N, C-alpha and C. Protein backbone atom coordinates (compact mmCIF):
# COMPACT_ATOMS: atom_id res chain seq x y z
N UNK A 1 106.19 27.08 42.61
CA UNK A 1 105.83 28.47 42.71
C UNK A 1 104.61 28.73 41.84
N UNK A 2 103.67 29.47 42.38
CA UNK A 2 102.45 29.77 41.64
C UNK A 2 102.62 31.04 40.83
N UNK A 3 102.02 31.03 39.67
CA UNK A 3 102.01 32.24 38.86
C UNK A 3 100.85 33.11 39.31
N UNK A 4 100.81 34.33 38.84
CA UNK A 4 99.75 35.26 39.20
C UNK A 4 98.38 34.70 38.87
N UNK A 5 98.25 34.01 37.75
CA UNK A 5 96.97 33.45 37.35
C UNK A 5 96.52 32.29 38.22
N UNK A 6 97.46 31.63 38.90
CA UNK A 6 97.12 30.48 39.72
C UNK A 6 96.74 30.87 41.15
N UNK A 7 97.07 32.08 41.58
CA UNK A 7 96.77 32.51 42.94
C UNK A 7 95.29 32.87 43.01
N UNK A 8 94.59 32.25 43.93
CA UNK A 8 93.17 32.54 44.06
C UNK A 8 92.97 33.80 44.89
N UNK A 9 92.01 34.57 44.50
CA UNK A 9 91.68 35.81 45.20
C UNK A 9 90.53 35.53 46.15
N UNK A 10 90.76 35.73 47.44
CA UNK A 10 89.70 35.52 48.42
C UNK A 10 88.68 36.64 48.29
N UNK A 11 87.44 36.29 48.31
CA UNK A 11 86.39 37.30 48.18
C UNK A 11 85.07 36.65 47.85
N UNK A 12 84.31 37.29 47.00
CA UNK A 12 82.94 36.87 46.73
C UNK A 12 82.84 35.47 46.10
N UNK A 13 83.91 34.94 45.59
CA UNK A 13 83.89 33.58 45.03
C UNK A 13 84.32 32.53 46.05
N UNK A 14 84.60 32.95 47.27
CA UNK A 14 85.04 32.04 48.32
C UNK A 14 83.89 31.67 49.25
N UNK A 15 83.79 30.41 49.56
CA UNK A 15 82.75 29.93 50.48
C UNK A 15 82.88 30.61 51.84
N UNK A 16 84.10 30.69 52.35
CA UNK A 16 84.32 31.26 53.68
C UNK A 16 83.92 32.73 53.75
N UNK A 17 84.09 33.44 52.66
CA UNK A 17 83.68 34.85 52.60
C UNK A 17 82.19 34.97 52.90
N UNK A 18 81.40 34.13 52.26
CA UNK A 18 79.95 34.17 52.44
C UNK A 18 79.52 33.55 53.76
N UNK A 19 80.32 32.65 54.32
CA UNK A 19 79.99 32.06 55.62
C UNK A 19 80.16 33.08 56.75
N UNK A 20 81.00 34.07 56.54
CA UNK A 20 81.17 35.12 57.55
C UNK A 20 79.95 36.05 57.59
N UNK A 21 79.33 36.27 56.44
CA UNK A 21 78.25 37.25 56.34
C UNK A 21 77.10 37.03 57.33
N UNK A 22 76.56 35.81 57.48
CA UNK A 22 75.46 35.66 58.45
C UNK A 22 75.87 36.00 59.88
N UNK A 23 77.12 35.72 60.22
CA UNK A 23 77.59 36.07 61.55
C UNK A 23 77.69 37.58 61.70
N UNK A 24 78.27 38.24 60.71
CA UNK A 24 78.43 39.70 60.75
C UNK A 24 77.07 40.39 60.86
N UNK A 25 76.17 40.06 59.94
CA UNK A 25 74.87 40.74 59.97
C UNK A 25 74.00 40.24 61.12
N UNK A 26 74.19 39.00 61.51
CA UNK A 26 73.44 38.46 62.66
C UNK A 26 73.80 39.17 63.95
N UNK A 27 75.10 39.39 64.18
CA UNK A 27 75.50 40.04 65.44
C UNK A 27 75.14 41.52 65.42
N UNK A 28 75.17 42.15 64.26
CA UNK A 28 74.69 43.53 64.18
C UNK A 28 73.20 43.59 64.50
N UNK A 29 72.43 42.64 63.96
CA UNK A 29 71.00 42.57 64.27
C UNK A 29 70.76 42.37 65.76
N UNK A 30 71.50 41.45 66.37
CA UNK A 30 71.37 41.20 67.80
C UNK A 30 71.68 42.47 68.59
N UNK A 31 72.73 43.18 68.18
CA UNK A 31 73.09 44.41 68.87
C UNK A 31 72.02 45.48 68.76
N UNK A 32 71.48 45.66 67.56
CA UNK A 32 70.40 46.64 67.37
C UNK A 32 69.19 46.24 68.20
N UNK A 33 68.89 44.96 68.22
CA UNK A 33 67.75 44.47 69.00
C UNK A 33 67.96 44.75 70.50
N UNK A 34 69.19 44.55 70.99
CA UNK A 34 69.47 44.85 72.40
C UNK A 34 69.34 46.33 72.68
N UNK A 35 69.68 47.18 71.71
CA UNK A 35 69.54 48.62 71.90
C UNK A 35 68.07 49.03 71.93
N UNK A 36 67.26 48.41 71.07
CA UNK A 36 65.85 48.78 70.95
C UNK A 36 64.99 48.14 72.05
N UNK A 37 65.18 46.85 72.28
CA UNK A 37 64.36 46.14 73.27
C UNK A 37 65.22 45.18 74.08
N UNK A 38 65.96 45.73 75.05
CA UNK A 38 66.89 44.91 75.80
C UNK A 38 66.23 43.80 76.63
N UNK A 39 65.00 44.01 77.08
CA UNK A 39 64.33 43.00 77.91
C UNK A 39 64.05 41.74 77.09
N UNK A 40 63.46 41.90 75.93
CA UNK A 40 63.16 40.76 75.06
C UNK A 40 64.46 40.10 74.59
N UNK A 41 65.45 40.92 74.27
CA UNK A 41 66.73 40.39 73.79
C UNK A 41 67.43 39.56 74.86
N UNK A 42 67.36 39.99 76.09
CA UNK A 42 67.99 39.24 77.18
C UNK A 42 67.35 37.85 77.33
N UNK A 43 66.04 37.80 77.18
CA UNK A 43 65.35 36.50 77.23
C UNK A 43 65.81 35.62 76.08
N UNK A 44 65.94 36.21 74.90
CA UNK A 44 66.40 35.46 73.73
C UNK A 44 67.84 34.98 73.88
N UNK A 45 68.65 35.76 74.59
CA UNK A 45 70.04 35.38 74.85
C UNK A 45 70.11 34.17 75.77
N UNK A 46 69.17 34.12 76.71
CA UNK A 46 69.14 32.99 77.64
C UNK A 46 69.23 33.38 79.10
N UNK A 47 69.48 34.66 79.37
CA UNK A 47 69.55 35.13 80.76
C UNK A 47 68.71 36.39 80.87
N UNK A 48 67.44 36.24 81.27
CA UNK A 48 66.58 37.42 81.38
C UNK A 48 67.02 38.34 82.51
N UNK A 49 66.66 39.61 82.36
CA UNK A 49 66.98 40.60 83.39
C UNK A 49 66.18 40.31 84.65
N UNK A 50 66.80 40.63 85.79
CA UNK A 50 66.10 40.41 87.06
C UNK A 50 65.51 41.71 87.61
N UNK A 51 65.99 42.87 87.11
CA UNK A 51 65.39 44.13 87.55
C UNK A 51 65.60 45.19 86.47
N UNK A 52 64.96 46.32 86.64
CA UNK A 52 64.97 47.39 85.63
C UNK A 52 66.38 47.96 85.39
N UNK A 53 67.23 47.91 86.40
CA UNK A 53 68.58 48.46 86.25
C UNK A 53 69.42 47.66 85.25
N UNK A 54 69.03 46.42 85.00
CA UNK A 54 69.77 45.56 84.05
C UNK A 54 69.64 46.05 82.61
N UNK A 55 68.64 46.86 82.33
CA UNK A 55 68.42 47.34 80.97
C UNK A 55 69.65 48.08 80.45
N UNK A 56 70.31 48.83 81.31
CA UNK A 56 71.52 49.55 80.89
C UNK A 56 72.58 48.57 80.39
N UNK A 57 72.72 47.43 81.05
CA UNK A 57 73.70 46.43 80.62
C UNK A 57 73.31 45.82 79.28
N UNK A 58 72.03 45.70 79.04
CA UNK A 58 71.57 45.21 77.74
C UNK A 58 71.96 46.15 76.62
N UNK A 59 71.83 47.44 76.87
CA UNK A 59 72.21 48.42 75.85
C UNK A 59 73.73 48.45 75.66
N UNK A 60 74.47 48.27 76.74
CA UNK A 60 75.93 48.19 76.63
C UNK A 60 76.31 46.98 75.79
N UNK A 61 75.66 45.85 76.03
CA UNK A 61 75.92 44.66 75.23
C UNK A 61 75.57 44.91 73.77
N UNK A 62 74.49 45.62 73.55
CA UNK A 62 74.05 45.91 72.19
C UNK A 62 75.08 46.68 71.38
N UNK A 63 75.63 47.72 71.96
CA UNK A 63 76.61 48.52 71.21
C UNK A 63 77.88 47.72 70.96
N UNK A 64 78.24 46.84 71.88
CA UNK A 64 79.42 46.00 71.67
C UNK A 64 79.17 44.97 70.57
N UNK A 65 77.97 44.44 70.51
CA UNK A 65 77.63 43.50 69.44
C UNK A 65 77.66 44.20 68.08
N UNK A 66 77.10 45.39 68.01
CA UNK A 66 77.12 46.15 66.76
C UNK A 66 78.57 46.39 66.33
N UNK A 67 79.41 46.79 67.26
CA UNK A 67 80.82 47.02 66.94
C UNK A 67 81.49 45.74 66.43
N UNK A 68 81.18 44.61 67.05
CA UNK A 68 81.79 43.34 66.63
C UNK A 68 81.50 43.05 65.16
N UNK A 69 80.28 43.29 64.74
CA UNK A 69 79.93 43.08 63.34
C UNK A 69 80.57 44.10 62.43
N UNK A 70 80.55 45.35 62.85
CA UNK A 70 81.11 46.42 62.01
C UNK A 70 82.64 46.31 61.88
N UNK A 71 83.30 45.71 62.85
CA UNK A 71 84.75 45.56 62.79
C UNK A 71 85.17 44.65 61.64
N UNK A 72 84.33 43.69 61.30
CA UNK A 72 84.66 42.76 60.22
C UNK A 72 84.28 43.27 58.83
N UNK A 73 83.27 44.12 58.74
CA UNK A 73 82.79 44.56 57.43
C UNK A 73 83.88 45.19 56.55
N UNK A 74 84.69 46.12 57.05
CA UNK A 74 85.71 46.70 56.16
C UNK A 74 86.72 45.65 55.68
N UNK A 75 87.02 44.68 56.53
CA UNK A 75 87.95 43.62 56.14
C UNK A 75 87.36 42.76 55.03
N UNK A 76 86.06 42.54 55.10
CA UNK A 76 85.39 41.77 54.04
C UNK A 76 85.34 42.57 52.74
N UNK A 77 84.92 43.82 52.84
CA UNK A 77 84.79 44.64 51.63
C UNK A 77 86.15 44.86 50.96
N UNK A 78 87.21 44.95 51.76
CA UNK A 78 88.56 45.12 51.20
C UNK A 78 89.19 43.77 50.83
N UNK A 79 88.47 42.70 51.09
CA UNK A 79 88.93 41.33 50.82
C UNK A 79 90.29 41.05 51.47
N UNK A 80 90.39 41.45 52.72
CA UNK A 80 91.61 41.24 53.49
C UNK A 80 91.50 39.92 54.24
N UNK A 81 91.80 38.87 53.54
CA UNK A 81 91.59 37.51 54.05
C UNK A 81 92.31 37.26 55.38
N UNK A 82 93.58 37.53 55.44
CA UNK A 82 94.37 37.22 56.64
C UNK A 82 93.84 38.00 57.84
N UNK A 83 93.60 39.29 57.67
CA UNK A 83 93.09 40.11 58.78
C UNK A 83 91.71 39.64 59.21
N UNK A 84 90.84 39.36 58.24
CA UNK A 84 89.50 38.86 58.57
C UNK A 84 89.59 37.52 59.31
N UNK A 85 90.51 36.67 58.88
CA UNK A 85 90.67 35.36 59.52
C UNK A 85 91.08 35.52 60.98
N UNK A 86 92.02 36.38 61.26
CA UNK A 86 92.46 36.56 62.64
C UNK A 86 91.38 37.18 63.52
N UNK A 87 90.72 38.21 63.01
CA UNK A 87 89.65 38.86 63.79
C UNK A 87 88.50 37.89 64.02
N UNK A 88 88.11 37.19 62.96
CA UNK A 88 86.99 36.26 63.06
C UNK A 88 87.33 35.11 64.02
N UNK A 89 88.54 34.61 63.94
CA UNK A 89 88.96 33.53 64.83
C UNK A 89 88.98 33.99 66.28
N UNK A 90 89.48 35.17 66.53
CA UNK A 90 89.48 35.70 67.90
C UNK A 90 88.06 35.87 68.43
N UNK A 91 87.14 36.21 67.54
CA UNK A 91 85.75 36.43 67.95
C UNK A 91 85.03 35.15 68.36
N UNK A 92 85.61 33.99 68.08
CA UNK A 92 84.99 32.73 68.50
C UNK A 92 84.84 32.68 70.02
N UNK A 93 85.70 33.41 70.72
CA UNK A 93 85.61 33.40 72.18
C UNK A 93 84.28 33.98 72.68
N UNK A 94 83.61 34.78 71.87
CA UNK A 94 82.37 35.41 72.31
C UNK A 94 81.24 34.38 72.44
N UNK A 95 80.86 33.65 71.38
CA UNK A 95 79.79 32.67 71.59
C UNK A 95 80.22 31.52 72.50
N UNK A 96 81.50 31.21 72.53
CA UNK A 96 81.98 30.16 73.43
C UNK A 96 81.80 30.58 74.89
N UNK A 97 82.19 31.81 75.21
CA UNK A 97 82.00 32.28 76.59
C UNK A 97 80.52 32.49 76.90
N UNK A 98 79.73 32.87 75.90
CA UNK A 98 78.28 32.97 76.11
C UNK A 98 77.70 31.59 76.48
N UNK A 99 78.14 30.57 75.77
CA UNK A 99 77.68 29.20 76.04
C UNK A 99 78.06 28.77 77.45
N UNK A 100 79.30 29.04 77.84
CA UNK A 100 79.76 28.68 79.18
C UNK A 100 79.03 29.47 80.26
N UNK A 101 78.69 30.72 79.96
CA UNK A 101 77.94 31.54 80.91
C UNK A 101 76.53 30.98 81.09
N UNK A 102 75.89 30.61 79.99
CA UNK A 102 74.55 30.01 80.07
C UNK A 102 74.62 28.72 80.89
N UNK A 103 75.64 27.92 80.65
CA UNK A 103 75.81 26.67 81.41
C UNK A 103 75.99 26.96 82.90
N UNK A 104 76.79 27.96 83.23
CA UNK A 104 77.03 28.30 84.63
C UNK A 104 75.79 28.86 85.32
N UNK A 105 75.01 29.66 84.60
CA UNK A 105 73.84 30.32 85.20
C UNK A 105 72.61 29.42 85.16
N UNK A 106 72.33 28.83 84.00
CA UNK A 106 71.09 28.07 83.82
C UNK A 106 71.27 26.56 83.95
N UNK A 107 72.49 26.09 83.84
CA UNK A 107 72.74 24.66 83.92
C UNK A 107 72.50 23.97 82.58
N UNK A 108 72.73 22.68 82.58
CA UNK A 108 72.63 21.91 81.34
C UNK A 108 71.19 21.71 80.86
N UNK A 109 70.22 22.02 81.69
CA UNK A 109 68.82 21.86 81.30
C UNK A 109 68.39 22.87 80.23
N UNK A 110 69.11 23.98 80.12
CA UNK A 110 68.77 25.01 79.13
C UNK A 110 69.43 24.68 77.80
N UNK A 111 69.04 23.55 77.25
CA UNK A 111 69.65 23.03 76.03
C UNK A 111 69.48 23.98 74.84
N UNK A 112 68.35 24.64 74.75
CA UNK A 112 68.09 25.54 73.62
C UNK A 112 69.15 26.63 73.53
N UNK A 113 69.39 27.34 74.62
CA UNK A 113 70.35 28.44 74.59
C UNK A 113 71.79 27.94 74.53
N UNK A 114 72.05 26.79 75.14
CA UNK A 114 73.38 26.19 75.02
C UNK A 114 73.69 25.86 73.56
N UNK A 115 72.70 25.32 72.86
CA UNK A 115 72.89 24.98 71.45
C UNK A 115 73.05 26.21 70.58
N UNK A 116 72.27 27.24 70.85
CA UNK A 116 72.38 28.48 70.06
C UNK A 116 73.81 29.01 70.12
N UNK A 117 74.34 29.15 71.33
CA UNK A 117 75.68 29.71 71.49
C UNK A 117 76.76 28.71 71.10
N UNK A 118 76.58 27.46 71.47
CA UNK A 118 77.57 26.44 71.16
C UNK A 118 77.68 26.17 69.66
N UNK A 119 76.55 26.07 68.98
CA UNK A 119 76.59 25.83 67.54
C UNK A 119 77.12 27.05 66.78
N UNK A 120 76.88 28.23 67.31
CA UNK A 120 77.46 29.43 66.71
C UNK A 120 78.99 29.37 66.80
N UNK A 121 79.51 28.97 67.95
CA UNK A 121 80.96 28.83 68.11
C UNK A 121 81.51 27.76 67.17
N UNK A 122 80.78 26.66 67.02
CA UNK A 122 81.21 25.59 66.11
C UNK A 122 81.20 26.08 64.66
N UNK A 123 80.14 26.74 64.26
CA UNK A 123 80.04 27.30 62.89
C UNK A 123 81.19 28.26 62.63
N UNK A 124 81.48 29.11 63.60
CA UNK A 124 82.56 30.07 63.44
C UNK A 124 83.91 29.36 63.36
N UNK A 125 84.08 28.28 64.11
CA UNK A 125 85.34 27.52 64.06
C UNK A 125 85.54 26.89 62.68
N UNK A 126 84.49 26.32 62.14
CA UNK A 126 84.56 25.73 60.80
C UNK A 126 84.86 26.81 59.76
N UNK A 127 84.17 27.94 59.88
CA UNK A 127 84.40 29.05 58.96
C UNK A 127 85.84 29.56 59.05
N UNK A 128 86.34 29.68 60.26
CA UNK A 128 87.71 30.13 60.46
C UNK A 128 88.69 29.17 59.79
N UNK A 129 88.49 27.88 59.96
CA UNK A 129 89.33 26.88 59.31
C UNK A 129 89.32 27.08 57.79
N UNK A 130 88.12 27.30 57.24
CA UNK A 130 88.00 27.48 55.80
C UNK A 130 88.67 28.76 55.31
N UNK A 131 88.59 29.81 56.10
CA UNK A 131 89.25 31.07 55.72
C UNK A 131 90.76 30.83 55.62
N UNK A 132 91.32 30.21 56.65
CA UNK A 132 92.77 29.97 56.64
C UNK A 132 93.18 29.00 55.53
N UNK A 133 92.27 28.13 55.12
CA UNK A 133 92.57 27.19 54.02
C UNK A 133 92.29 27.82 52.65
N UNK A 134 91.84 29.06 52.66
CA UNK A 134 91.56 29.80 51.41
C UNK A 134 90.44 29.15 50.61
N UNK A 135 89.40 28.75 51.30
CA UNK A 135 88.25 28.12 50.64
C UNK A 135 87.09 29.09 50.66
């Protein structure tokens, strides 16, 4: 049994805490970028718009990305490790499905965008493992 002094407090001294930050602020940035300039953002995502009506979908994606980042911030600030771990782990499906969508639409030749989304999913998986291990 651990004493109070032996129990580690998850937070600013934890590697996993800081590994979440680039994802949180990165996805908020991506969302803001989609809201401001959806055409350029869609190209950066890997699937450019085919007509002007697609811009609305870019803005819809933007607000969802912003929400994804903001959903984790209170959990981080409150140092709610278990809740952050579950939300962050569930969010791995986003870059994973983005990677599979790029593969389905652009094929394996679009290695750049496959790597962006695939490596993000891998990074998030490693981070999730570390959160659950209290590192």
